[in-house]
Amino acid sequence: MDAPTVIDMTKDAIVVSILVCSPVLLVGVIVGLLIGLIQAITQVQDQTVSFVPKLLAMVLALTLCMPWVVDYMSTYCERCFGEVPFNQDPLP
């Protein structure tokens, strides 16, 4: 395997990891901002008030996005294994 192939595979791994993590992280950020806004309006500053809804929303987002994540990751893994040369002669 040559250097440009390894660099492309590394770049693809970074892009895939960002794409797979982004739905859950975006839901966490949006729910965190909404809870923070509600806490600022009501002046309730309890840590568990922001943690529990954010955790539940992120678990729900992960559950809803799981089919897409599994399909995307399996396609990526098939593509990676397809680029690895398995039938090369060993070094002397």
PDB file of N, CA and C in Angstrom:
ATOM      1  N   MET A   1       0.852  -1.164   0.000  1.00  0.00           N
ATOM      2  CA  MET A   1       0.000   0.000   0.000  1.00  0.00           C
ATOM      3  C   MET A   1       0.900   1.229   0.000  1.00  0.00           C
ATOM      4  N   ASP A   2       0.607   2.164  -0.884  1.00  0.00           N
ATOM      5  CA  ASP A   2       1.453   3.346  -1.001  1.00  0.00           C
ATOM      6  C   ASP A   2       0.928   4.482  -0.114  1.00  0.00           C
ATOM      7  N   ALA A   3       1.738   5.520   0.006  1.00  0.00           N
ATOM      8  CA  ALA A   3       1.430   6.622   0.918  1.00  0.00           C
ATOM      9  C   ALA A   3       0.154   7.381   0.548  1.00  0.00           C
ATOM     10  N   PRO A   4      -0.090   7.700  -0.730  1.00  0.00           N
ATOM     11  CA  PRO A   4      -1.343   8.415  -1.030  1.00  0.00           C
ATOM     12  C   PRO A   4      -2.606   7.633  -0.661  1.00  0.00           C
ATOM     13  N   THR A   5      -2.557   6.319  -0.785  1.00  0.00           N
ATOM     14  CA  THR A   5      -3.713   5.506  -0.395  1.00  0.00           C
ATOM     15  C   THR A   5      -3.942   5.581   1.106  1.00  0.00           C
ATOM     16  N   VAL A   6      -2.882   5.524   1.871  1.00  0.00           N
ATOM     17  CA  VAL A   6      -2.999   5.616   3.335  1.00  0.00           C
ATOM     18  C   VAL A   6      -3.517   6.989   3.740  1.00  0.00           C
ATOM     19  N   ILE A   7      -3.038   8.028   3.078  1.00  0.00           N
ATOM     20  CA  ILE A   7      -3.497   9.389   3.387  1.00  0.00           C
ATOM     21  C   ILE A   7      -4.978   9.535   3.052  1.00  0.00           C
ATOM     22  N   ASP A   8      -5.399   8.999   1.909  1.00  0.00           N
ATOM     23  CA  ASP A   8      -6.817   9.066   1.547  1.00  0.00           C
ATOM     24  C   ASP A   8      -7.679   8.283   2.514  1.00  0.00           C
ATOM     25  N   MET A   9      -7.212   7.122   2.937  1.00  0.00           N
ATOM     26  CA  MET A   9      -7.981   6.326   3.897  1.00  0.00           C
ATOM     27  C   MET A   9      -8.084   7.038   5.248  1.00  0.00           C
ATOM     28  N   THR A  10      -7.016   7.717   5.661  1.00  0.00           N
ATOM     29  CA  THR A  10      -7.042   8.465   6.911  1.00  0.00           C
ATOM     30  C   THR A  10      -8.000   9.643   6.816  1.00  0.00           C
ATOM     31  N   LYS A  11      -7.972  10.345   5.685  1.00  0.00           N
ATOM     32  CA  LYS A  11      -8.883  11.460   5.472  1.00  0.00           C
ATOM     33  C   LYS A  11     -10.328  10.974   5.491  1.00  0.00           C
ATOM     34  N   ASP A  12     -10.586   9.858   4.823  1.00  0.00           N
ATOM     35  CA  ASP A  12     -11.935   9.299   4.822  1.00  0.00           C
ATOM     36  C   ASP A  12     -12.376   8.883   6.218  1.00  0.00           C
ATOM     37  N   ALA A  13     -11.459   8.351   7.019  1.00  0.00           N
ATOM     38  CA  ALA A  13     -11.802   7.949   8.392  1.00  0.00           C
ATOM     39  C   ALA A  13     -12.204   9.157   9.231  1.00  0.00           C
ATOM     40  N   ILE A  14     -11.505  10.267   9.055  1.00  0.00           N
ATOM     41  CA  ILE A  14     -11.838  11.481   9.805  1.00  0.00           C
ATOM     42  C   ILE A  14     -13.203  12.014   9.376  1.00  0.00           C
ATOM     43  N   VAL A  15     -13.455  12.038   8.072  1.00  0.00           N
ATOM     44  CA  VAL A  15     -14.736  12.529   7.564  1.00  0.00           C
ATOM     45  C   VAL A  15     -15.882  11.640   8.033  1.00  0.00           C
ATOM     46  N   VAL A  16     -15.695  10.331   7.970  1.00  0.00           N
ATOM     47  CA  VAL A  16     -16.734   9.399   8.404  1.00  0.00           C
ATOM     48  C   VAL A  16     -17.012   9.564   9.900  1.00  0.00           C
ATOM     49  N   SER A  17     -15.971   9.729  10.704  1.00  0.00           N
ATOM     50  CA  SER A  17     -16.196   9.885  12.147  1.00  0.00           C
ATOM     51  C   SER A  17     -16.942  11.178  12.451  1.00  0.00           C
ATOM     52  N   ILE A  18     -16.659  12.240  11.718  1.00  0.00           N
ATOM     53  CA  ILE A  18     -17.384  13.502  11.919  1.00  0.00           C
ATOM     54  C   ILE A  18     -18.843  13.345  11.514  1.00  0.00           C
ATOM     55  N   LEU A  19     -19.082  12.696  10.368  1.00  0.00           N
ATOM     56  CA  LEU A  19     -20.454  12.520   9.897  1.00  0.00           C
ATOM     57  C   LEU A  19     -21.264  11.612  10.811  1.00  0.00           C
ATOM     58  N   VAL A  20     -20.652  10.576  11.345  1.00  0.00           N
ATOM     59  CA  VAL A  20     -21.375   9.643  12.203  1.00  0.00           C
ATOM     60  C   VAL A  20     -21.696  10.273  13.560  1.00  0.00           C
ATOM     61  N   CYS A  21     -20.803  11.094  14.069  1.00  0.00           N
ATOM     62  CA  CYS A  21     -21.021  11.711  15.384  1.00  0.00           C
ATOM     63  C   CYS A  21     -21.903  12.959  15.328  1.00  0.00           C
ATOM     64  N   SER A  22     -22.000  13.597  14.181  1.00  0.00           N
ATOM     65  CA  SER A  22     -22.664  14.895  14.107  1.00  0.00           C
ATOM     66  C   SER A  22     -24.146  14.894  14.487  1.00  0.00           C
ATOM     67  N   PRO A  23     -24.974  13.905  14.119  1.00  0.00           N
ATOM     68  CA  PRO A  23     -26.386  14.008  14.535  1.00  0.00           C
ATOM     69  C   PRO A  23     -26.565  14.031  16.049  1.00  0.00           C
ATOM     70  N   VAL A  24     -25.854  13.175  16.745  1.00  0.00           N
ATOM     71  CA  VAL A  24     -25.995  13.111  18.207  1.00  0.00           C
ATOM     72  C   VAL A  24     -25.449  14.385  18.855  1.00  0.00           C
ATOM     73  N   LEU A  25     -24.322  14.864  18.354  1.00  0.00           N
ATOM     74  CA  LEU A  25     -23.747  16.076  18.929  1.00  0.00           C
ATOM     75  C   LEU A  25     -24.609  17.300  18.664  1.00  0.00           C
ATOM     76  N   LEU A  26     -25.192  17.389  17.458  1.00  0.00           N
ATOM     77  CA  LEU A  26     -26.065  18.523  17.157  1.00  0.00           C
ATOM     78  C   LEU A  26     -27.312  18.516  18.032  1.00  0.00           C
ATOM     79  N   VAL A  27     -27.878  17.350  18.255  1.00  0.00           N
ATOM     80  CA  VAL A  27     -29.046  17.263  19.139  1.00  0.00           C
ATOM     81  C   VAL A  27     -28.652  17.671  20.558  1.00  0.00           C
ATOM     82  N   GLY A  28     -27.487  17.248  21.018  1.00  0.00           N
ATOM     83  CA  GLY A  28     -27.030  17.626  22.350  1.00  0.00           C
ATOM     84  C   GLY A  28     -26.824  19.125  22.496  1.00  0.00           C
ATOM     85  N   VAL A  29     -26.278  19.737  21.463  1.00  0.00           N
ATOM     86  CA  VAL A  29     -26.054  21.190  21.505  1.00  0.00           C
ATOM     87  C   VAL A  29     -27.377  21.940  21.491  1.00  0.00           C
ATOM     88  N   ILE A  30     -28.294  21.534  20.612  1.00  0.00           N
ATOM     89  CA  ILE A  30     -29.579  22.238  20.516  1.00  0.00           C
ATOM     90  C   ILE A  30     -30.384  22.092  21.802  1.00  0.00           C
ATOM     91  N   VAL A  31     -30.457  20.877  22.336  1.00  0.00           N
ATOM     92  CA  VAL A  31     -31.202  20.676  23.586  1.00  0.00           C
ATOM     93  C   VAL A  31     -30.512  21.407  24.738  1.00  0.00           C
ATOM     94  N   GLY A  32     -29.186  21.400  24.751  1.00  0.00           N
ATOM     95  CA  GLY A  32     -28.467  22.130  25.798  1.00  0.00           C
ATOM     96  C   GLY A  32     -28.735  23.628  25.760  1.00  0.00           C
ATOM     97  N   LEU A  33     -28.784  24.191  24.545  1.00  0.00           N
ATOM     98  CA  LEU A  33     -29.103  25.616  24.421  1.00  0.00           C
ATOM     99  C   LEU A  33     -30.525  25.923  24.855  1.00  0.00           C
ATOM    100  N   LEU A  34     -31.463  25.054  24.470  1.00  0.00           N
ATOM    101  CA  LEU A  34     -32.854  25.281  24.884  1.00  0.00           C
ATOM    102  C   LEU A  34     -33.023  25.167  26.393  1.00  0.00           C
ATOM    103  N   ILE A  35     -32.405  24.172  26.991  1.00  0.00           N
ATOM    104  CA  ILE A  35     -32.492  24.011  28.452  1.00  0.00           C
ATOM    105  C   ILE A  35     -31.809  25.180  29.156  1.00  0.00           C
ATOM    106  N   GLY A  36     -30.678  25.619  28.624  1.00  0.00           N
ATOM    107  CA  GLY A  36     -29.996  26.778  29.202  1.00  0.00           C
ATOM    108  C   GLY A  36     -30.839  28.032  29.126  1.00  0.00           C
ATOM    109  N   LEU A  37     -31.538  28.198  28.008  1.00  0.00           N
ATOM    110  CA  LEU A  37     -32.432  29.352  27.871  1.00  0.00           C
ATOM    111  C   LEU A  37     -33.582  29.270  28.867  1.00  0.00           C
ATOM    112  N   ILE A  38     -34.160  28.092  29.006  1.00  0.00           N
ATOM    113  CA  ILE A  38     -35.246  27.902  29.973  1.00  0.00           C
ATOM    114  C   ILE A  38     -34.744  28.121  31.399  1.00  0.00           C
ATOM    115  N   GLN A  39     -33.531  27.658  31.697  1.00  0.00           N
ATOM    116  CA  GLN A  39     -32.974  27.871  33.035  1.00  0.00           C
ATOM    117  C   GLN A  39     -32.709  29.347  33.288  1.00  0.00           C
ATOM    118  N   ALA A  40     -32.273  30.063  32.267  1.00  0.00           N
ATOM    119  CA  ALA A  40     -32.017  31.490  32.452  1.00  0.00           C
ATOM    120  C   ALA A  40     -33.321  32.253  32.665  1.00  0.00           C
ATOM    121  N   ILE A  41     -34.381  31.834  31.965  1.00  0.00           N
ATOM    122  CA  ILE A  41     -35.662  32.518  32.127  1.00  0.00           C
ATOM    123  C   ILE A  41     -36.270  32.223  33.489  1.00  0.00           C
ATOM    124  N   THR A  42     -36.232  30.971  33.915  1.00  0.00           N
ATOM    125  CA  THR A  42     -36.860  30.588  35.187  1.00  0.00           C
ATOM    126  C   THR A  42     -35.919  30.737  36.381  1.00  0.00           C
ATOM    127  N   GLN A  43     -34.665  30.992  36.155  1.00  0.00           N
ATOM    128  CA  GLN A  43     -33.634  31.139  37.178  1.00  0.00           C
ATOM    129  C   GLN A  43     -33.478  29.882  38.038  1.00  0.00           C
ATOM    130  N   VAL A  44     -33.671  28.730  37.428  1.00  0.00           N
ATOM    131  CA  VAL A  44     -33.424  27.448  38.090  1.00  0.00           C
ATOM    132  C   VAL A  44     -32.049  26.983  37.621  1.00  0.00           C
ATOM    133  N   GLN A  45     -31.087  26.917  38.508  1.00  0.00           N
ATOM    134  CA  GLN A  45     -29.710  26.604  38.128  1.00  0.00           C
ATOM    135  C   GLN A  45     -29.256  25.268  38.708  1.00  0.00           C
ATOM    136  N   ASP A  46     -30.004  24.235  38.450  1.00  0.00           N
ATOM    137  CA  ASP A  46     -29.653  22.899  38.920  1.00  0.00           C
ATOM    138  C   ASP A  46     -28.979  22.141  37.784  1.00  0.00           C
ATOM    139  N   GLN A  47     -27.875  21.450  38.051  1.00  0.00           N
ATOM    140  CA  GLN A  47     -27.121  20.758  37.011  1.00  0.00           C
ATOM    141  C   GLN A  47     -27.894  19.590  36.417  1.00  0.00           C
ATOM    142  N   THR A  48     -28.681  18.889  37.252  1.00  0.00           N
ATOM    143  CA  THR A  48     -29.408  17.730  36.734  1.00  0.00           C
ATOM    144  C   THR A  48     -30.537  18.131  35.807  1.00  0.00           C
ATOM    145  N   VAL A  49     -31.032  19.340  35.932  1.00  0.00           N
ATOM    146  CA  VAL A  49     -32.104  19.806  35.060  1.00  0.00           C
ATOM    147  C   VAL A  49     -31.609  19.869  33.615  1.00  0.00           C
ATOM    148  N   SER A  50     -30.359  20.212  33.403  1.00  0.00           N
ATOM    149  CA  SER A  50     -29.842  20.272  32.040  1.00  0.00           C
ATOM    150  C   SER A  50     -29.278  18.923  31.578  1.00  0.00           C
ATOM    151  N   PHE A  51     -28.805  18.115  32.502  1.00  0.00           N
ATOM    152  CA  PHE A  51     -28.141  16.866  32.120  1.00  0.00           C
ATOM    153  C   PHE A  51     -29.120  15.795  31.659  1.00  0.00           C
ATOM    154  N   VAL A  52     -30.182  15.590  32.389  1.00  0.00           N
ATOM    155  CA  VAL A  52     -31.108  14.493  32.103  1.00  0.00           C
ATOM    156  C   VAL A  52     -31.829  14.675  30.764  1.00  0.00           C
ATOM    157  N   PRO A  53     -32.409  15.846  30.465  1.00  0.00           N
ATOM    158  CA  PRO A  53     -33.056  15.984  29.154  1.00  0.00           C
ATOM    159  C   PRO A  53     -32.071  15.889  27.987  1.00  0.00           C
ATOM    160  N   LYS A  54     -30.879  16.407  28.188  1.00  0.00           N
ATOM    161  CA  LYS A  54     -29.868  16.325  27.140  1.00  0.00           C
ATOM    162  C   LYS A  54     -29.465  14.874  26.898  1.00  0.00           C
ATOM    163  N   LEU A  55     -29.294  14.122  27.947  1.00  0.00           N
ATOM    164  CA  LEU A  55     -28.950  12.705  27.821  1.00  0.00           C
ATOM    165  C   LEU A  55     -30.065  11.927  27.125  1.00  0.00           C
ATOM    166  N   LEU A  56     -31.307  12.170  27.513  1.00  0.00           N
ATOM    167  CA  LEU A  56     -32.431  11.483  26.891  1.00  0.00           C
ATOM    168  C   LEU A  56     -32.570  11.842  25.411  1.00  0.00           C
ATOM    169  N   ALA A  57     -32.371  13.101  25.071  1.00  0.00           N
ATOM    170  CA  ALA A  57     -32.469  13.524  23.672  1.00  0.00           C
ATOM    171  C   ALA A  57     -31.347  12.921  22.837  1.00  0.00           C
ATOM    172  N   MET A  58     -30.153  12.822  23.402  1.00  0.00           N
ATOM    173  CA  MET A  58     -29.038  12.231  22.661  1.00  0.00           C
ATOM    174  C   MET A  58     -29.236  10.729  22.471  1.00  0.00           C
ATOM    175  N   VAL A  59     -29.781  10.045  23.462  1.00  0.00           N
ATOM    176  CA  VAL A  59     -30.074   8.614  23.310  1.00  0.00           C
ATOM    177  C   VAL A  59     -31.160   8.415  22.261  1.00  0.00           C
ATOM    178  N   LEU A  60     -32.174   9.267  22.255  1.00  0.00           N
ATOM    179  CA  LEU A  60     -33.225   9.180  21.254  1.00  0.00           C
ATOM    180  C   LEU A  60     -32.669   9.444  19.852  1.00  0.00           C
ATOM    181  N   ALA A  61     -31.798  10.441  19.720  1.00  0.00           N
ATOM    182  CA  ALA A  61     -31.189  10.740  18.421  1.00  0.00           C
ATOM    183  C   ALA A  61     -30.317   9.582  17.954  1.00  0.00           C
ATOM    184  N   LEU A  62     -29.573   8.989  18.862  1.00  0.00           N
ATOM    185  CA  LEU A  62     -28.748   7.840  18.498  1.00  0.00           C
ATOM    186  C   LEU A  62     -29.606   6.659  18.071  1.00  0.00           C
ATOM    187  N   THR A  63     -30.713   6.449  18.758  1.00  0.00           N
ATOM    188  CA  THR A  63     -31.613   5.359  18.400  1.00  0.00           C
ATOM    189  C   THR A  63     -32.231   5.581  17.029  1.00  0.00           C
ATOM    190  N   LEU A  64     -32.632   6.809  16.741  1.00  0.00           N
ATOM    191  CA  LEU A  64     -33.246   7.107  15.453  1.00  0.00           C
ATOM    192  C   LEU A  64     -32.241   7.077  14.302  1.00  0.00           C
ATOM    193  N   CYS A  65     -31.009   7.463  14.562  1.00  0.00           N
ATOM    194  CA  CYS A  65     -29.980   7.517  13.518  1.00  0.00           C
ATOM    195  C   CYS A  65     -29.213   6.207  13.372  1.00  0.00           C
ATOM    196  N   MET A  66     -29.460   5.246  14.245  1.00  0.00           N
ATOM    197  CA  MET A  66     -28.673   4.016  14.228  1.00  0.00           C
ATOM    198  C   MET A  66     -28.721   3.262  12.899  1.00  0.00           C
ATOM    199  N   PRO A  67     -29.870   3.124  12.219  1.00  0.00           N
ATOM    200  CA  PRO A  67     -29.835   2.425  10.924  1.00  0.00           C
ATOM    201  C   PRO A  67     -28.921   3.111   9.908  1.00  0.00           C
ATOM    202  N   TRP A  68     -28.981   4.445   9.864  1.00  0.00           N
ATOM    203  CA  TRP A  68     -28.124   5.182   8.943  1.00  0.00           C
ATOM    204  C   TRP A  68     -26.656   5.022   9.329  1.00  0.00           C
ATOM    205  N   VAL A  69     -26.355   5.085  10.616  1.00  0.00           N
ATOM    206  CA  VAL A  69     -24.973   4.959  11.082  1.00  0.00           C
ATOM    207  C   VAL A  69     -24.414   3.579  10.735  1.00  0.00           C
ATOM    208  N   VAL A  70     -25.186   2.534  10.978  1.00  0.00           N
ATOM    209  CA  VAL A  70     -24.722   1.173  10.685  1.00  0.00           C
ATOM    210  C   VAL A  70     -24.513   0.993   9.190  1.00  0.00           C
ATOM    211  N   ASP A  71     -25.437   1.494   8.375  1.00  0.00           N
ATOM    212  CA  ASP A  71     -25.296   1.381   6.924  1.00  0.00           C
ATOM    213  C   ASP A  71     -24.083   2.148   6.427  1.00  0.00           C
ATOM    214  N   TYR A  72     -23.894   3.356   6.929  1.00  0.00           N
ATOM    215  CA  TYR A  72     -22.767   4.189   6.508  1.00  0.00           C
ATOM    216  C   TYR A  72     -21.432   3.564   6.919  1.00  0.00           C
ATOM    217  N   MET A  73     -21.375   3.053   8.150  1.00  0.00           N
ATOM    218  CA  MET A  73     -20.139   2.439   8.629  1.00  0.00           C
ATOM    219  C   MET A  73     -19.832   1.132   7.905  1.00  0.00           C
ATOM    220  N   SER A  74     -20.853   0.330   7.601  1.00  0.00           N
ATOM    221  CA  SER A  74     -20.590  -0.918   6.884  1.00  0.00           C
ATOM    222  C   SER A  74     -20.124  -0.638   5.463  1.00  0.00           C
ATOM    223  N   THR A  75     -20.696   0.373   4.809  1.00  0.00           N
ATOM    224  CA  THR A  75     -20.230   0.765   3.475  1.00  0.00           C
ATOM    225  C   THR A  75     -18.788   1.242   3.533  1.00  0.00           C
ATOM    226  N   TYR A  76     -18.463   2.022   4.546  1.00  0.00           N
ATOM    227  CA  TYR A  76     -17.092   2.520   4.704  1.00  0.00           C
ATOM    228  C   TYR A  76     -16.122   1.362   4.948  1.00  0.00           C
ATOM    229  N   CYS A  77     -16.503   0.419   5.796  1.00  0.00           N
ATOM    230  CA  CYS A  77     -15.620  -0.720   6.083  1.00  0.00           C
ATOM    231  C   CYS A  77     -15.410  -1.592   4.849  1.00  0.00           C
ATOM    232  N   GLU A  78     -16.467  -1.810   4.076  1.00  0.00           N
ATOM    233  CA  GLU A  78     -16.318  -2.571   2.835  1.00  0.00           C
ATOM    234  C   GLU A  78     -15.369  -1.871   1.872  1.00  0.00           C
ATOM    235  N   ARG A  79     -15.491  -0.548   1.787  1.00  0.00           N
ATOM    236  CA  ARG A  79     -14.601   0.228   0.922  1.00  0.00           C
ATOM    237  C   ARG A  79     -13.151   0.156   1.413  1.00  0.00           C
ATOM    238  N   CYS A  80     -12.954   0.221   2.730  1.00  0.00           N
ATOM    239  CA  CYS A  80     -11.589   0.140   3.276  1.00  0.00           C
ATOM    240  C   CYS A  80     -10.976  -1.232   3.027  1.00  0.00           C
ATOM    241  N   PHE A  81     -11.735  -2.292   3.295  1.00  0.00           N
ATOM    242  CA  PHE A  81     -11.202  -3.631   3.084  1.00  0.00           C
ATOM    243  C   PHE A  81     -10.962  -3.910   1.610  1.00  0.00           C
ATOM    244  N   GLY A  82     -11.713  -3.253   0.737  1.00  0.00           N
ATOM    245  CA  GLY A  82     -11.499  -3.412  -0.691  1.00  0.00           C
ATOM    246  C   GLY A  82     -10.208  -2.777  -1.173  1.00  0.00           C
ATOM    247  N   GLU A  83      -9.715  -1.783  -0.449  1.00  0.00           N
ATOM    248  CA  GLU A  83      -8.486  -1.098  -0.846  1.00  0.00           C
ATOM    249  C   GLU A  83      -7.225  -1.750  -0.282  1.00  0.00           C
ATOM    250  N   VAL A  84      -7.364  -2.637   0.662  1.00  0.00           N
ATOM    251  CA  VAL A  84      -6.200  -3.284   1.261  1.00  0.00           C
ATOM    252  C   VAL A  84      -5.749  -4.439   0.365  1.00  0.00           C
ATOM    253  N   PRO A  85      -4.505  -4.416  -0.058  1.00  0.00           N
ATOM    254  CA  PRO A  85      -4.024  -5.507  -0.914  1.00  0.00           C
ATOM    255  C   PRO A  85      -3.645  -6.726  -0.067  1.00  0.00           C
ATOM    256  N   PHE A  86      -4.430  -7.792  -0.152  1.00  0.00           N
ATOM    257  CA  PHE A  86      -4.183  -8.978   0.654  1.00  0.00           C
ATOM    258  C   PHE A  86      -3.247  -9.969  -0.024  1.00  0.00           C
ATOM    259  N   ASN A  87      -3.120  -9.922  -1.318  1.00  0.00           N
ATOM    260  CA  ASN A  87      -2.373 -10.943  -2.049  1.00  0.00           C
ATOM    261  C   ASN A  87      -1.013 -10.461  -2.530  1.00  0.00           C
ATOM    262  N   GLN A  88      -0.309  -9.779  -1.712  1.00  0.00           N
ATOM    263  CA  GLN A  88       1.036  -9.354  -2.075  1.00  0.00           C
ATOM    264  C   GLN A  88       2.040 -10.362  -1.576  1.00  0.00           C
ATOM    265  N   ASP A  89       3.163 -10.432  -2.278  1.00  0.00           N
ATOM    266  CA  ASP A  89       4.249 -11.318  -1.846  1.00  0.00           C
ATOM    267  C   ASP A  89       4.877 -10.771  -0.575  1.00  0.00           C
ATOM    268  N   PRO A  90       5.200 -11.630   0.369  1.00  0.00           N
ATOM    269  CA  PRO A  90       5.855 -11.159   1.592  1.00  0.00           C
ATOM    270  C   PRO A  90       7.262 -10.665   1.294  1.00  0.00           C
ATOM    271  N   LEU A  91       7.746  -9.841   2.166  1.00  0.00           N
ATOM    272  CA  LEU A  91       9.102  -9.322   2.003  1.00  0.00           C
ATOM    273  C   LEU A  91      10.114 -10.463   2.148  1.00  0.00           C
ATOM    274  N   PRO A  92      11.191 -10.422   1.356  1.00  0.00           N
ATOM    275  CA  PRO A  92      12.192 -11.498   1.454  1.00  0.00           C
ATOM    276  C   PRO A  92      12.981 -11.439   2.744  1.00  0.00           C
TER     277      PRO A  92
END
